[in-house]
């Protein structure tokens, strides 16, 4: 692995643990084993470029896996099934969360915090065409459910979509932590430990992901309540 990749992974880990504002480029370089304290600045220039490098490092493979699952759903004739489509969104990220040493989903969760819990502008950070396509298919599929009024693109549809997206990221960040939690966040940010006392190595990632899918489907398909006005 290259020096640049080492720093990308160190940044992913430290940003996941301490947030974007809680880590300096010098600390990232040190965590990547660089003697030159300016190494991260030399390779990336600033944090924004380094953040983009993390997305570039991860998103292509995740998007390709999602595309593979979406093609399978279409081949099986279930592209109108909300649960099947939600699985296409959840499974690739759950597989990433279950990858030993991964901090990527926790990084995404931190990025949501960094942006005030707003969903990440995914279309701007990398190859996520399959995720956007699945989102549109879900809206179409909702037209035949109790939440049929969400099939458009109005405020309620956006609200449900944002809630579902946050639930996916937060839920799978929790899975990633349970499989390989970090030590107490008060330790030196250059520490390279990715396990902790509350690790759950026997946790079944697929079963956990199924629970996230269940919750997201419930959020998306719950009937839309009529607004009650009190006088």
C-alpha atoms as a PDB file:
ATOM      1  CA  UNK A   1       0.000   0.000   0.000  1.00  0.00           C
ATOM      2  CA  UNK A   2       1.310   3.462  -0.882  1.00  0.00           C
ATOM      3  CA  UNK A   3       2.172   6.231   1.563  1.00  0.00           C
ATOM      4  CA  UNK A   4      -0.810   8.170   0.259  1.00  0.00           C
ATOM      5  CA  UNK A   5      -3.179   5.259   0.933  1.00  0.00           C
ATOM      6  CA  UNK A   6      -1.733   4.852   4.426  1.00  0.00           C
ATOM      7  CA  UNK A   7      -2.594   8.462   5.149  1.00  0.00           C
ATOM      8  CA  UNK A   8      -6.092   8.096   3.671  1.00  0.00           C
ATOM      9  CA  UNK A   9      -6.800   5.164   5.995  1.00  0.00           C
ATOM     10  CA  UNK A  10      -5.284   6.969   8.975  1.00  0.00           C
ATOM     11  CA  UNK A  11      -7.480   9.986   8.211  1.00  0.00           C
ATOM     12  CA  UNK A  12     -10.570   7.790   7.876  1.00  0.00           C
ATOM     13  CA  UNK A  13      -9.871   6.243  11.273  1.00  0.00           C
ATOM     14  CA  UNK A  14      -9.094   9.479  13.092  1.00  0.00           C
ATOM     15  CA  UNK A  15     -11.947  11.448  11.532  1.00  0.00           C
ATOM     16  CA  UNK A  16     -14.300   8.598  12.488  1.00  0.00           C
ATOM     17  CA  UNK A  17     -13.104   8.725  16.092  1.00  0.00           C
ATOM     18  CA  UNK A  18     -12.621  12.426  16.720  1.00  0.00           C
ATOM     19  CA  UNK A  19     -14.454  14.267  13.958  1.00  0.00           C
ATOM     20  CA  UNK A  20     -13.119  16.404  11.151  1.00  0.00           C
ATOM     21  CA  UNK A  21     -12.398  19.351  13.423  1.00  0.00           C
ATOM     22  CA  UNK A  22     -10.771  17.214  16.101  1.00  0.00           C
ATOM     23  CA  UNK A  23      -7.747  16.076  14.100  1.00  0.00           C
ATOM     24  CA  UNK A  24      -4.949  18.005  12.400  1.00  0.00           C
ATOM     25  CA  UNK A  25      -3.120  17.090   9.214  1.00  0.00           C
ATOM     26  CA  UNK A  26       0.037  16.671  11.282  1.00  0.00           C
ATOM     27  CA  UNK A  27      -1.666  14.125  13.536  1.00  0.00           C
ATOM     28  CA  UNK A  28      -2.849  12.205  10.476  1.00  0.00           C
ATOM     29  CA  UNK A  29       0.666  12.073   9.107  1.00  0.00           C
ATOM     30  CA  UNK A  30       1.994  10.844  12.459  1.00  0.00           C
ATOM     31  CA  UNK A  31      -0.733   8.175  12.702  1.00  0.00           C
ATOM     32  CA  UNK A  32       0.274   6.969   9.228  1.00  0.00           C
ATOM     33  CA  UNK A  33       3.850   6.509  10.445  1.00  0.00           C
ATOM     34  CA  UNK A  34       5.297   9.489   8.620  1.00  0.00           C
ATOM     35  CA  UNK A  35       8.361  11.109  10.157  1.00  0.00           C
ATOM     36  CA  UNK A  36       7.769  14.262   8.169  1.00  0.00           C
ATOM     37  CA  UNK A  37       5.017  16.045  10.095  1.00  0.00           C
ATOM     38  CA  UNK A  38       4.044  17.935   6.919  1.00  0.00           C
ATOM     39  CA  UNK A  39       3.507  14.747   4.877  1.00  0.00           C
ATOM     40  CA  UNK A  40      -0.299  14.942   4.818  1.00  0.00           C
ATOM     41  CA  UNK A  41      -0.216  18.570   3.780  1.00  0.00           C
ATOM     42  CA  UNK A  42       2.301  17.731   1.058  1.00  0.00           C
ATOM     43  CA  UNK A  43       0.129  14.958  -0.410  1.00  0.00           C
ATOM     44  CA  UNK A  44      -3.316  16.553   0.028  1.00  0.00           C
ATOM     45  CA  UNK A  45      -2.881  20.250   0.681  1.00  0.00           C
ATOM     46  CA  UNK A  46      -5.902  20.644   2.955  1.00  0.00           C
ATOM     47  CA  UNK A  47      -8.568  18.669   4.808  1.00  0.00           C
ATOM     48  CA  UNK A  48     -11.198  19.055   2.106  1.00  0.00           C
ATOM     49  CA  UNK A  49      -8.949  17.351  -0.430  1.00  0.00           C
ATOM     50  CA  UNK A  50      -8.186  14.609   2.082  1.00  0.00           C
ATOM     51  CA  UNK A  51     -11.892  14.079   2.756  1.00  0.00           C
ATOM     52  CA  UNK A  52     -12.464  13.680  -0.972  1.00  0.00           C
ATOM     53  CA  UNK A  53      -9.581  11.192  -1.113  1.00  0.00           C
ATOM     54  CA  UNK A  54     -11.373   9.024   1.471  1.00  0.00           C
ATOM     55  CA  UNK A  55     -14.508   8.973  -0.687  1.00  0.00           C
ATOM     56  CA  UNK A  56     -12.424   8.205  -3.773  1.00  0.00           C
ATOM     57  CA  UNK A  57     -10.765   5.317  -1.942  1.00  0.00           C
ATOM     58  CA  UNK A  58     -14.070   3.679  -0.927  1.00  0.00           C
ATOM     59  CA  UNK A  59     -16.979   4.693  -3.122  1.00  0.00           C
ATOM     60  CA  UNK A  60     -16.132   3.026  -6.439  1.00  0.00           C
ATOM     61  CA  UNK A  61     -16.103  -0.486  -4.951  1.00  0.00           C
ATOM     62  CA  UNK A  62     -19.249   0.133  -2.902  1.00  0.00           C
ATOM     63  CA  UNK A  63     -21.090   1.534  -5.916  1.00  0.00           C
ATOM     64  CA  UNK A  64     -20.009  -1.428  -8.065  1.00  0.00           C
ATOM     65  CA  UNK A  65     -21.324  -3.856  -5.450  1.00  0.00           C
ATOM     66  CA  UNK A  66     -24.609  -1.953  -5.256  1.00  0.00           C
ATOM     67  CA  UNK A  67     -24.890  -2.060  -9.040  1.00  0.00           C
ATOM     68  CA  UNK A  68     -24.379  -5.830  -8.941  1.00  0.00           C
ATOM     69  CA  UNK A  69     -27.188  -6.217  -6.405  1.00  0.00           C
ATOM     70  CA  UNK A  70     -29.488  -3.886  -8.336  1.00  0.00           C
ATOM     71  CA  UNK A  71     -28.939  -5.882 -11.533  1.00  0.00           C
ATOM     72  CA  UNK A  72     -29.843  -9.059  -9.609  1.00  0.00           C
ATOM     73  CA  UNK A  73     -33.026  -7.453  -8.265  1.00  0.00           C
ATOM     74  CA  UNK A  74     -34.057  -6.413 -11.744  1.00  0.00           C
ATOM     75  CA  UNK A  75     -33.317  -9.873 -13.109  1.00  0.00           C
ATOM     76  CA  UNK A  76     -35.510 -11.419 -10.413  1.00  0.00           C
ATOM     77  CA  UNK A  77     -38.415  -9.096 -11.191  1.00  0.00           C
ATOM     78  CA  UNK A  78     -38.460  -7.511  -7.724  1.00  0.00           C
ATOM     79  CA  UNK A  79     -37.441  -3.976  -8.692  1.00  0.00           C
ATOM     80  CA  UNK A  80     -40.855  -2.812  -7.467  1.00  0.00           C
ATOM     81  CA  UNK A  81     -40.403  -4.299  -3.994  1.00  0.00           C
ATOM     82  CA  UNK A  82     -39.424  -1.730  -1.350  1.00  0.00           C
ATOM     83  CA  UNK A  83     -37.589  -4.210   0.866  1.00  0.00           C
ATOM     84  CA  UNK A  84     -35.556  -5.649  -2.004  1.00  0.00           C
ATOM     85  CA  UNK A  85     -34.503  -2.128  -2.985  1.00  0.00           C
ATOM     86  CA  UNK A  86     -33.614  -1.130   0.570  1.00  0.00           C
ATOM     87  CA  UNK A  87     -31.417  -4.226   0.784  1.00  0.00           C
ATOM     88  CA  UNK A  88     -29.559  -2.968  -2.298  1.00  0.00           C
ATOM     89  CA  UNK A  89     -28.786   0.237  -0.385  1.00  0.00           C
ATOM     90  CA  UNK A  90     -27.896  -1.416   2.924  1.00  0.00           C
ATOM     91  CA  UNK A  91     -25.945  -4.560   2.025  1.00  0.00           C
ATOM     92  CA  UNK A  92     -22.867  -2.982   0.359  1.00  0.00           C
ATOM     93  CA  UNK A  93     -22.393  -0.577   3.268  1.00  0.00           C
ATOM     94  CA  UNK A  94     -22.973  -3.391   5.784  1.00  0.00           C
ATOM     95  CA  UNK A  95     -20.313  -5.469   4.023  1.00  0.00           C
ATOM     96  CA  UNK A  96     -17.938  -2.530   4.274  1.00  0.00           C
ATOM     97  CA  UNK A  97     -18.747  -2.159   7.969  1.00  0.00           C
ATOM     98  CA  UNK A  98     -17.901  -5.827   8.476  1.00  0.00           C
ATOM     99  CA  UNK A  99     -14.516  -5.479   6.765  1.00  0.00           C
ATOM    100  CA  UNK A 100     -11.779  -5.883   9.423  1.00  0.00           C
ATOM    101  CA  UNK A 101     -10.261  -2.542  10.341  1.00  0.00           C
ATOM    102  CA  UNK A 102     -12.886  -0.485   8.522  1.00  0.00           C
ATOM    103  CA  UNK A 103     -13.818   2.911   9.911  1.00  0.00           C
ATOM    104  CA  UNK A 104     -15.555   4.145   6.777  1.00  0.00           C
ATOM    105  CA  UNK A 105     -19.173   3.964   7.938  1.00  0.00           C
ATOM    106  CA  UNK A 106     -18.275   5.669  11.206  1.00  0.00           C
ATOM    107  CA  UNK A 107     -16.516   8.286   9.114  1.00  0.00           C
ATOM    108  CA  UNK A 108     -19.739   8.825   7.148  1.00  0.00           C
ATOM    109  CA  UNK A 109     -21.660   9.165  10.398  1.00  0.00           C
ATOM    110  CA  UNK A 110     -19.178  11.774  11.622  1.00  0.00           C
ATOM    111  CA  UNK A 111     -19.539  13.631   8.343  1.00  0.00           C
ATOM    112  CA  UNK A 112     -23.283  13.822   8.917  1.00  0.00           C
ATOM    113  CA  UNK A 113     -22.543  15.385  12.320  1.00  0.00           C
ATOM    114  CA  UNK A 114     -20.052  17.743  10.693  1.00  0.00           C
ATOM    115  CA  UNK A 115     -22.731  18.922   8.267  1.00  0.00           C
ATOM    116  CA  UNK A 116     -25.417  19.379  10.916  1.00  0.00           C
ATOM    117  CA  UNK A 117     -27.014  15.950  10.376  1.00  0.00           C
ATOM    118  CA  UNK A 118     -27.808  16.845   6.774  1.00  0.00           C
ATOM    119  CA  UNK A 119     -27.381  13.951   4.380  1.00  0.00           C
ATOM    120  CA  UNK A 120     -24.140  14.010   2.467  1.00  0.00           C
ATOM    121  CA  UNK A 121     -24.369  15.470  -1.041  1.00  0.00           C
ATOM    122  CA  UNK A 122     -23.395  12.092  -2.444  1.00  0.00           C
ATOM    123  CA  UNK A 123     -23.721  13.117  -6.071  1.00  0.00           C
ATOM    124  CA  UNK A 124     -20.856  15.539  -5.450  1.00  0.00           C
ATOM    125  CA  UNK A 125     -18.402  13.230  -3.679  1.00  0.00           C
ATOM    126  CA  UNK A 126     -18.022  10.253  -5.979  1.00  0.00           C
ATOM    127  CA  UNK A 127     -19.562   7.426  -8.033  1.00  0.00           C
ATOM    128  CA  UNK A 128     -22.943   6.830  -6.420  1.00  0.00           C
ATOM    129  CA  UNK A 129     -25.142   6.567  -9.493  1.00  0.00           C
ATOM    130  CA  UNK A 130     -26.554   3.227  -8.362  1.00  0.00           C
ATOM    131  CA  UNK A 131     -27.643   4.663  -4.988  1.00  0.00           C
ATOM    132  CA  UNK A 132     -29.421   7.568  -6.668  1.00  0.00           C
ATOM    133  CA  UNK A 133     -31.091   5.151  -9.080  1.00  0.00           C
ATOM    134  CA  UNK A 134     -32.277   2.937  -6.218  1.00  0.00           C
ATOM    135  CA  UNK A 135     -33.674   5.987  -4.450  1.00  0.00           C
ATOM    136  CA  UNK A 136     -35.844   6.829  -7.453  1.00  0.00           C
ATOM    137  CA  UNK A 137     -37.000   3.208  -7.727  1.00  0.00           C
ATOM    138  CA  UNK A 138     -37.994   3.246  -4.050  1.00  0.00           C
ATOM    139  CA  UNK A 139     -40.090   6.378  -4.566  1.00  0.00           C
ATOM    140  CA  UNK A 140     -41.829   4.672  -7.497  1.00  0.00           C
ATOM    141  CA  UNK A 141     -42.390   1.497  -5.462  1.00  0.00           C
ATOM    142  CA  UNK A 142     -43.916   3.454  -2.576  1.00  0.00           C
ATOM    143  CA  UNK A 143     -46.794   4.430  -4.855  1.00  0.00           C
ATOM    144  CA  UNK A 144     -48.337   1.012  -4.237  1.00  0.00           C
ATOM    145  CA  UNK A 145     -48.030   1.078  -0.442  1.00  0.00           C
ATOM    146  CA  UNK A 146     -49.828   2.721   2.460  1.00  0.00           C
ATOM    147  CA  UNK A 147     -47.329   5.553   2.073  1.00  0.00           C
ATOM    148  CA  UNK A 148     -48.389   6.046  -1.537  1.00  0.00           C
ATOM    149  CA  UNK A 149     -48.429   9.837  -1.249  1.00  0.00           C
ATOM    150  CA  UNK A 150     -44.644   9.660  -0.850  1.00  0.00           C
ATOM    151  CA  UNK A 151     -44.240   8.500  -4.422  1.00  0.00           C
ATOM    152  CA  UNK A 152     -43.707  12.099  -5.520  1.00  0.00           C
ATOM    153  CA  UNK A 153     -40.843  14.358  -4.560  1.00  0.00           C
ATOM    154  CA  UNK A 154     -42.554  16.646  -2.060  1.00  0.00           C
ATOM    155  CA  UNK A 155     -41.484  17.598   1.481  1.00  0.00           C
ATOM    156  CA  UNK A 156     -42.780  14.390   3.064  1.00  0.00           C
ATOM    157  CA  UNK A 157     -40.943  12.217   0.563  1.00  0.00           C
ATOM    158  CA  UNK A 158     -37.751  14.137   1.220  1.00  0.00           C
ATOM    159  CA  UNK A 159     -38.234  13.873   4.974  1.00  0.00           C
ATOM    160  CA  UNK A 160     -38.735  10.104   4.867  1.00  0.00           C
ATOM    161  CA  UNK A 161     -35.760   9.739   2.542  1.00  0.00           C
ATOM    162  CA  UNK A 162     -33.524  11.767   4.851  1.00  0.00           C
ATOM    163  CA  UNK A 163     -34.665   9.802   7.908  1.00  0.00           C
ATOM    164  CA  UNK A 164     -34.046   6.515   6.093  1.00  0.00           C
ATOM    165  CA  UNK A 165     -30.589   7.635   4.989  1.00  0.00           C
ATOM    166  CA  UNK A 166     -29.608   8.717   8.491  1.00  0.00           C
ATOM    167  CA  UNK A 167     -30.891   5.443   9.908  1.00  0.00           C
ATOM    168  CA  UNK A 168     -28.829   3.421   7.441  1.00  0.00           C
ATOM    169  CA  UNK A 169     -25.621   5.308   8.201  1.00  0.00           C
ATOM    170  CA  UNK A 170     -26.109   5.479  11.972  1.00  0.00           C
ATOM    171  CA  UNK A 171     -27.219   1.855  12.228  1.00  0.00           C
ATOM    172  CA  UNK A 172     -24.330   0.502  10.188  1.00  0.00           C
ATOM    173  CA  UNK A 173     -21.847   2.762  11.971  1.00  0.00           C
ATOM    174  CA  UNK A 174     -23.004   1.053  15.146  1.00  0.00           C
ATOM    175  CA  UNK A 175     -22.458  -2.341  13.503  1.00  0.00           C
ATOM    176  CA  UNK A 176     -18.942  -1.326  12.491  1.00  0.00           C
ATOM    177  CA  UNK A 177     -18.192  -0.215  16.039  1.00  0.00           C
ATOM    178  CA  UNK A 178     -19.576  -3.397  17.577  1.00  0.00           C
ATOM    179  CA  UNK A 179     -17.385  -5.500  15.310  1.00  0.00           C
ATOM    180  CA  UNK A 180     -14.247  -3.438  15.941  1.00  0.00           C
ATOM    181  CA  UNK A 181     -14.807  -0.686  18.507  1.00  0.00           C
ATOM    182  CA  UNK A 182     -12.253   1.951  19.342  1.00  0.00           C
ATOM    183  CA  UNK A 183     -10.752   2.527  22.758  1.00  0.00           C
ATOM    184  CA  UNK A 184     -11.611   5.485  24.953  1.00  0.00           C
ATOM    185  CA  UNK A 185     -11.612   8.607  22.761  1.00  0.00           C
ATOM    186  CA  UNK A 186      -9.499  10.430  25.341  1.00  0.00           C
ATOM    187  CA  UNK A 187      -6.373   8.531  24.267  1.00  0.00           C
ATOM    188  CA  UNK A 188      -3.709   9.911  21.946  1.00  0.00           C
ATOM    189  CA  UNK A 189      -5.226  10.433  18.495  1.00  0.00           C
ATOM    190  CA  UNK A 190      -2.184   8.810  16.899  1.00  0.00           C
ATOM    191  CA  UNK A 191      -2.903   5.482  18.601  1.00  0.00           C
ATOM    192  CA  UNK A 192      -3.505   2.696  16.102  1.00  0.00           C
ATOM    193  CA  UNK A 193      -5.811   0.438  18.100  1.00  0.00           C
ATOM    194  CA  UNK A 194      -9.093  -0.594  16.485  1.00  0.00           C
ATOM    195  CA  UNK A 195     -10.431  -3.045  19.070  1.00  0.00           C
ATOM    196  CA  UNK A 196     -11.860  -2.412  22.468  1.00  0.00           C
ATOM    197  CA  UNK A 197     -13.413  -3.956  25.553  1.00  0.00           C
ATOM    198  CA  UNK A 198     -16.923  -3.892  24.129  1.00  0.00           C
ATOM    199  CA  UNK A 199     -16.112  -5.742  20.920  1.00  0.00           C
ATOM    200  CA  UNK A 200     -18.736  -8.279  19.796  1.00  0.00           C
ATOM    201  CA  UNK A 201     -16.793 -10.599  17.462  1.00  0.00           C
ATOM    202  CA  UNK A 202     -19.648 -13.144  17.422  1.00  0.00           C
ATOM    203  CA  UNK A 203     -22.153 -10.605  16.111  1.00  0.00           C
ATOM    204  CA  UNK A 204     -23.661 -11.710  12.784  1.00  0.00           C
ATOM    205  CA  UNK A 205     -23.306  -8.746  10.396  1.00  0.00           C
ATOM    206  CA  UNK A 206     -25.916 -10.115   7.974  1.00  0.00           C
ATOM    207  CA  UNK A 207     -28.480 -10.523  10.737  1.00  0.00           C
ATOM    208  CA  UNK A 208     -27.736  -7.040  12.043  1.00  0.00           C
ATOM    209  CA  UNK A 209     -28.085  -5.615   8.535  1.00  0.00           C
ATOM    210  CA  UNK A 210     -31.462  -7.355   8.220  1.00  0.00           C
ATOM    211  CA  UNK A 211     -32.588  -5.443  11.299  1.00  0.00           C
ATOM    212  CA  UNK A 212     -31.484  -2.165   9.742  1.00  0.00           C
ATOM    213  CA  UNK A 213     -33.398  -3.060   6.573  1.00  0.00           C
ATOM    214  CA  UNK A 214     -36.513  -3.843   8.639  1.00  0.00           C
ATOM    215  CA  UNK A 215     -36.308  -0.462  10.376  1.00  0.00           C
ATOM    216  CA  UNK A 216     -35.731   1.481   7.147  1.00  0.00           C
ATOM    217  CA  UNK A 217     -38.620  -0.267   5.390  1.00  0.00           C
ATOM    218  CA  UNK A 218     -40.861   0.590   8.344  1.00  0.00           C
ATOM    219  CA  UNK A 219     -39.849   4.259   8.111  1.00  0.00           C
ATOM    220  CA  UNK A 220     -40.502   4.377   4.381  1.00  0.00           C
ATOM    221  CA  UNK A 221     -43.783   2.447   4.249  1.00  0.00           C
ATOM    222  CA  UNK A 222     -45.570   3.745   7.353  1.00  0.00           C
ATOM    223  CA  UNK A 223     -48.896   5.365   6.402  1.00  0.00           C
ATOM    224  CA  UNK A 224     -48.811   9.120   6.038  1.00  0.00           C
ATOM    225  CA  UNK A 225     -50.914  10.720   8.759  1.00  0.00           C
ATOM    226  CA  UNK A 226     -53.224  13.577   7.902  1.00  0.00           C
ATOM    227  CA  UNK A 227     -52.073  16.776   9.515  1.00  0.00           C
ATOM    228  CA  UNK A 228     -54.262  17.729  12.443  1.00  0.00           C
ATOM    229  CA  UNK A 229     -54.930  21.381  13.030  1.00  0.00           C
ATOM    230  CA  UNK A 230     -55.931  22.547  16.481  1.00  0.00           C
ATOM    231  CA  UNK A 231     -57.881  25.732  16.955  1.00  0.00           C
END
